[in-house]
N, C-alpha and C. Protein backbone atom coordinates (compact mmCIF):
# COMPACT_ATOMS: atom_id res chain seq x y z
N MET A 1 12.36 -7.03 -86.98
CA MET A 1 11.49 -8.27 -87.24
C MET A 1 11.66 -8.62 -88.82
N GLN A 2 11.87 -9.79 -89.08
CA GLN A 2 12.08 -10.30 -90.48
C GLN A 2 10.57 -10.65 -90.99
N LEU A 3 10.23 -9.95 -92.16
CA LEU A 3 8.94 -10.26 -92.76
C LEU A 3 9.23 -10.99 -94.18
N PRO A 4 8.23 -11.77 -94.65
CA PRO A 4 8.41 -12.37 -95.92
C PRO A 4 8.85 -11.29 -97.03
N ASN A 5 9.65 -11.70 -98.02
CA ASN A 5 10.01 -10.74 -99.01
C ASN A 5 9.07 -10.67 -100.24
N ASP A 6 8.20 -11.54 -100.41
CA ASP A 6 7.39 -11.71 -101.50
C ASP A 6 6.23 -10.73 -101.36
N PRO A 7 6.03 -9.81 -102.33
CA PRO A 7 5.11 -8.71 -102.24
C PRO A 7 3.67 -9.14 -102.09
N PHE A 8 3.35 -10.33 -102.80
CA PHE A 8 2.09 -10.84 -102.65
C PHE A 8 1.62 -11.36 -101.28
N VAL A 9 2.68 -12.01 -100.78
CA VAL A 9 2.61 -12.50 -99.22
C VAL A 9 2.37 -11.30 -98.29
N LEU A 10 3.10 -10.28 -98.58
CA LEU A 10 3.07 -9.00 -97.59
C LEU A 10 1.65 -8.47 -97.78
N GLU A 11 1.11 -8.47 -99.00
CA GLU A 11 -0.04 -7.90 -99.22
C GLU A 11 -1.32 -8.65 -98.38
N LEU A 12 -1.13 -9.89 -98.49
CA LEU A 12 -2.07 -10.79 -97.75
C LEU A 12 -1.81 -10.99 -96.28
N LEU A 13 -0.62 -10.50 -95.76
CA LEU A 13 -0.32 -10.60 -94.33
C LEU A 13 -1.35 -10.15 -93.39
N PRO A 14 -1.84 -8.93 -93.55
CA PRO A 14 -2.78 -8.31 -92.46
C PRO A 14 -4.10 -9.23 -92.50
N GLU A 15 -4.47 -9.70 -93.50
CA GLU A 15 -5.60 -10.50 -93.59
C GLU A 15 -5.40 -11.91 -93.01
N PHE A 16 -4.09 -12.35 -93.19
CA PHE A 16 -3.72 -13.75 -92.53
C PHE A 16 -3.78 -13.53 -91.02
N ILE A 17 -3.24 -12.47 -90.46
CA ILE A 17 -3.21 -12.17 -89.05
C ILE A 17 -4.66 -11.95 -88.55
N GLU A 18 -5.48 -11.20 -89.10
CA GLU A 18 -6.89 -11.00 -88.63
C GLU A 18 -7.61 -12.35 -88.77
N ASP A 19 -7.46 -13.05 -89.73
CA ASP A 19 -8.24 -14.32 -89.75
C ASP A 19 -7.75 -15.31 -88.69
N TRP A 20 -6.61 -15.28 -88.39
CA TRP A 20 -6.09 -16.18 -87.24
C TRP A 20 -6.57 -15.69 -86.02
N ILE A 21 -6.45 -14.34 -85.69
CA ILE A 21 -7.11 -13.77 -84.51
C ILE A 21 -8.52 -14.38 -84.27
N VAL A 22 -9.33 -14.18 -85.37
CA VAL A 22 -10.73 -14.58 -85.29
C VAL A 22 -10.93 -16.00 -84.95
N LYS A 23 -10.09 -16.75 -85.70
CA LYS A 23 -10.13 -18.36 -85.33
C LYS A 23 -9.78 -18.66 -83.82
N LEU A 24 -8.77 -17.93 -83.31
CA LEU A 24 -8.50 -18.35 -81.95
C LEU A 24 -9.56 -17.89 -80.99
N ASN A 25 -10.18 -16.81 -81.51
CA ASN A 25 -11.32 -16.29 -80.53
C ASN A 25 -12.56 -16.91 -80.82
N THR A 26 -12.78 -17.84 -81.74
CA THR A 26 -13.97 -18.52 -82.17
C THR A 26 -13.73 -20.05 -82.11
N GLU A 27 -13.08 -20.54 -83.25
CA GLU A 27 -13.09 -21.90 -83.44
C GLU A 27 -12.24 -22.55 -82.26
N TYR A 28 -11.19 -21.92 -81.88
CA TYR A 28 -10.27 -22.75 -80.77
C TYR A 28 -11.20 -22.81 -79.60
N ILE A 29 -11.82 -21.74 -79.20
CA ILE A 29 -12.64 -21.65 -78.04
C ILE A 29 -13.80 -22.78 -78.07
N GLU A 30 -14.39 -22.93 -79.18
CA GLU A 30 -15.49 -23.78 -79.39
C GLU A 30 -14.96 -25.33 -79.30
N PHE A 31 -13.82 -25.54 -80.05
CA PHE A 31 -13.25 -26.90 -79.98
C PHE A 31 -12.80 -27.13 -78.63
N LYS A 32 -12.31 -26.39 -77.83
CA LYS A 32 -11.81 -26.58 -76.49
C LYS A 32 -12.89 -26.87 -75.62
N ALA A 33 -14.04 -26.13 -75.82
CA ALA A 33 -15.06 -26.33 -74.79
C ALA A 33 -15.76 -27.63 -75.11
N LYS A 34 -15.77 -28.16 -76.36
CA LYS A 34 -16.43 -29.36 -76.66
C LYS A 34 -15.38 -30.60 -76.35
N LYS A 35 -14.12 -30.09 -76.22
CA LYS A 35 -12.95 -31.29 -76.14
C LYS A 35 -12.96 -31.97 -77.58
N ASP A 36 -13.13 -31.30 -78.62
CA ASP A 36 -13.15 -31.78 -79.89
C ASP A 36 -11.80 -31.91 -80.56
N LEU A 37 -11.21 -33.18 -80.17
CA LEU A 37 -9.80 -33.33 -80.71
C LEU A 37 -9.54 -33.26 -82.03
N GLU A 38 -10.54 -33.86 -82.83
CA GLU A 38 -10.40 -33.95 -84.39
C GLU A 38 -10.34 -32.53 -84.93
N SER A 39 -11.28 -31.72 -84.50
CA SER A 39 -11.30 -30.44 -85.05
C SER A 39 -10.17 -29.58 -84.56
N MET A 40 -9.78 -29.75 -83.36
CA MET A 40 -8.62 -29.12 -82.79
C MET A 40 -7.32 -29.51 -83.48
N TYR A 41 -7.06 -30.70 -83.94
CA TYR A 41 -5.88 -31.16 -84.58
C TYR A 41 -5.98 -30.51 -86.08
N ARG A 42 -7.20 -30.47 -86.61
CA ARG A 42 -7.22 -29.92 -88.01
C ARG A 42 -6.78 -28.40 -87.95
N LEU A 43 -7.27 -27.75 -86.87
CA LEU A 43 -7.01 -26.29 -86.65
C LEU A 43 -5.37 -25.98 -86.46
N ALA A 44 -4.90 -26.99 -85.68
CA ALA A 44 -3.42 -26.88 -85.42
C ALA A 44 -2.71 -27.15 -86.64
N HIS A 45 -3.14 -28.11 -87.26
CA HIS A 45 -2.60 -28.50 -88.68
C HIS A 45 -2.49 -27.34 -89.67
N THR A 46 -3.66 -26.67 -89.76
CA THR A 46 -3.68 -25.45 -90.53
C THR A 46 -2.91 -24.32 -90.10
N MET A 47 -2.86 -24.28 -88.83
CA MET A 47 -2.05 -23.20 -88.28
C MET A 47 -0.51 -23.32 -88.77
N LYS A 48 -0.12 -24.59 -88.54
CA LYS A 48 1.17 -25.02 -89.00
C LYS A 48 1.58 -24.65 -90.45
N GLY A 49 0.55 -25.13 -91.24
CA GLY A 49 0.90 -25.05 -92.79
C GLY A 49 0.76 -23.65 -93.24
N SER A 50 -0.20 -22.92 -92.84
CA SER A 50 -0.50 -21.55 -93.20
C SER A 50 0.82 -20.71 -92.86
N SER A 51 1.11 -20.91 -91.43
CA SER A 51 2.24 -20.21 -91.00
C SER A 51 3.56 -20.30 -91.81
N TYR A 52 3.79 -21.42 -91.94
CA TYR A 52 5.09 -21.79 -92.75
C TYR A 52 4.96 -21.24 -94.21
N GLN A 53 3.87 -21.33 -94.77
CA GLN A 53 3.70 -20.75 -96.03
C GLN A 53 3.86 -19.16 -96.14
N PHE A 54 3.63 -18.56 -95.10
CA PHE A 54 3.67 -17.09 -94.91
C PHE A 54 5.01 -16.74 -94.59
N GLY A 55 6.08 -17.71 -94.23
CA GLY A 55 7.43 -17.60 -93.82
C GLY A 55 7.66 -17.43 -92.35
N PHE A 56 6.62 -17.71 -91.48
CA PHE A 56 6.72 -17.66 -90.09
C PHE A 56 7.04 -19.08 -89.45
N ALA A 57 8.31 -19.54 -89.45
CA ALA A 57 8.60 -20.64 -88.99
C ALA A 57 8.28 -20.92 -87.49
N ASP A 58 8.44 -19.88 -86.66
CA ASP A 58 8.32 -19.76 -85.29
C ASP A 58 6.71 -20.17 -85.01
N LEU A 59 5.69 -19.46 -85.89
CA LEU A 59 4.36 -19.81 -85.76
C LEU A 59 4.05 -21.20 -86.22
N GLY A 60 4.82 -21.57 -87.20
CA GLY A 60 4.54 -23.02 -87.69
C GLY A 60 4.82 -24.13 -86.71
N ASP A 61 6.09 -23.76 -85.95
CA ASP A 61 6.57 -24.60 -84.99
C ASP A 61 5.46 -24.71 -83.76
N ILE A 62 4.87 -23.60 -83.67
CA ILE A 62 3.83 -23.64 -82.52
C ILE A 62 2.66 -24.58 -82.86
N GLY A 63 2.36 -24.48 -84.19
CA GLY A 63 1.28 -25.32 -84.79
C GLY A 63 1.85 -26.78 -84.66
N VAL A 64 2.90 -27.18 -84.96
CA VAL A 64 3.49 -28.54 -84.89
C VAL A 64 3.38 -29.03 -83.46
N GLU A 65 3.71 -28.15 -82.35
CA GLU A 65 3.60 -28.46 -81.01
C GLU A 65 2.13 -28.76 -80.57
N MET A 66 1.23 -28.00 -81.10
CA MET A 66 -0.28 -28.06 -80.76
C MET A 66 -0.74 -29.40 -81.33
N MET A 67 -0.30 -29.79 -82.45
CA MET A 67 -0.81 -30.95 -83.09
C MET A 67 -0.26 -32.10 -82.16
N ALA A 68 1.01 -32.07 -81.58
CA ALA A 68 1.35 -33.07 -80.73
C ALA A 68 0.64 -33.04 -79.31
N GLN A 69 0.30 -31.93 -78.82
CA GLN A 69 -0.59 -31.78 -77.67
C GLN A 69 -1.93 -32.20 -77.91
N VAL A 70 -2.44 -32.07 -79.04
CA VAL A 70 -3.84 -32.65 -79.32
C VAL A 70 -3.77 -34.18 -79.08
N LYS A 71 -2.77 -34.83 -79.81
CA LYS A 71 -2.70 -36.21 -79.80
C LYS A 71 -2.49 -36.86 -78.32
N SER A 72 -1.83 -35.92 -77.52
CA SER A 72 -1.50 -36.42 -76.15
C SER A 72 -2.62 -35.87 -75.28
N ASP A 73 -3.78 -35.26 -75.74
CA ASP A 73 -4.93 -34.75 -75.01
C ASP A 73 -4.26 -33.63 -73.89
N ASP A 74 -3.27 -32.75 -74.21
CA ASP A 74 -2.86 -31.91 -73.29
C ASP A 74 -3.39 -30.48 -73.52
N TRP A 75 -4.46 -30.33 -73.06
CA TRP A 75 -5.28 -28.98 -73.19
C TRP A 75 -4.63 -28.00 -72.47
N ASP A 76 -3.90 -28.08 -71.41
CA ASP A 76 -3.06 -27.04 -70.82
C ASP A 76 -2.04 -26.31 -71.65
N GLY A 77 -1.26 -27.37 -72.28
CA GLY A 77 -0.17 -27.17 -73.23
C GLY A 77 -0.70 -26.32 -74.44
N LEU A 78 -1.84 -26.86 -74.89
CA LEU A 78 -2.64 -26.21 -75.94
C LEU A 78 -2.91 -24.78 -75.74
N GLU A 79 -3.52 -24.61 -74.58
CA GLU A 79 -3.79 -23.00 -74.06
C GLU A 79 -2.62 -22.22 -74.20
N GLN A 80 -1.53 -22.71 -73.56
CA GLN A 80 -0.38 -21.87 -73.42
C GLN A 80 0.33 -21.66 -74.96
N ASN A 81 0.27 -22.62 -75.71
CA ASN A 81 0.57 -22.35 -77.11
C ASN A 81 -0.27 -21.43 -78.02
N LYS A 82 -1.54 -21.65 -77.75
CA LYS A 82 -2.45 -20.65 -78.34
C LYS A 82 -2.13 -19.40 -77.92
N GLU A 83 -1.80 -19.01 -76.71
CA GLU A 83 -1.58 -17.68 -76.30
C GLU A 83 -0.28 -17.25 -76.88
N LYS A 84 0.83 -18.17 -77.02
CA LYS A 84 2.10 -17.77 -77.63
C LYS A 84 1.89 -17.35 -79.10
N PHE A 85 0.89 -18.16 -79.87
CA PHE A 85 0.63 -17.75 -81.28
C PHE A 85 -0.25 -16.54 -81.38
N ARG A 86 -0.98 -16.31 -80.42
CA ARG A 86 -1.85 -15.13 -80.59
C ARG A 86 -0.89 -13.80 -80.23
N ILE A 87 -0.13 -13.94 -79.23
CA ILE A 87 0.81 -12.74 -78.98
C ILE A 87 1.71 -12.59 -80.15
N ARG A 88 2.14 -13.53 -80.75
CA ARG A 88 3.26 -13.42 -81.78
C ARG A 88 2.40 -12.64 -82.92
N LEU A 89 1.14 -13.16 -83.17
CA LEU A 89 0.39 -12.53 -84.35
C LEU A 89 0.11 -10.97 -84.02
N LEU A 90 -0.04 -10.61 -82.79
CA LEU A 90 -0.28 -9.31 -82.31
C LEU A 90 1.09 -8.35 -82.45
N GLU A 91 2.24 -9.02 -82.32
CA GLU A 91 3.47 -8.37 -82.51
C GLU A 91 3.73 -8.01 -83.93
N ILE A 92 3.33 -9.03 -84.73
CA ILE A 92 3.57 -8.80 -86.17
C ILE A 92 2.55 -7.68 -86.68
N GLN A 93 1.26 -7.71 -86.18
CA GLN A 93 0.35 -6.84 -86.52
C GLN A 93 0.71 -5.48 -86.21
N ASP A 94 1.42 -5.33 -84.96
CA ASP A 94 1.86 -4.07 -84.39
C ASP A 94 3.04 -3.59 -85.37
N PHE A 95 3.95 -4.34 -85.49
CA PHE A 95 5.12 -4.05 -86.47
C PHE A 95 4.61 -3.62 -87.82
N LEU A 96 3.65 -4.27 -88.34
CA LEU A 96 3.15 -3.80 -89.68
C LEU A 96 2.64 -2.53 -89.64
N SER A 97 1.72 -2.11 -88.61
CA SER A 97 1.11 -0.84 -88.47
C SER A 97 2.06 0.34 -88.31
N GLN A 98 3.17 -0.02 -87.50
CA GLN A 98 4.13 0.94 -87.26
C GLN A 98 5.23 1.21 -88.54
N ASN A 99 5.14 0.29 -89.38
CA ASN A 99 6.20 0.34 -90.42
C ASN A 99 5.47 0.44 -91.86
N SER A 100 4.16 0.70 -92.01
CA SER A 100 3.53 0.88 -93.27
C SER A 100 3.39 2.25 -93.63
């Protein structure tokens, strides 16, 4: 698994992962229950940006897809991509714990 080379980013990575797991378990669920498209779009946009900043293009690409799914009111697609994002976060978290 390729991790960012920047030591500062690596130091923040566990917090990045934990924060996103919490957001997926709270904010995402709340916005989905309320069918709050505006808040869901902001969440997906933040997923995209923060993932790219941490060097995870695959996660950023999921955020881009989710932004498009919000615009097309595709809640099933959003749920699938949320799961992909969550699973990838858990893979990174597991890798970090095994290699620290």
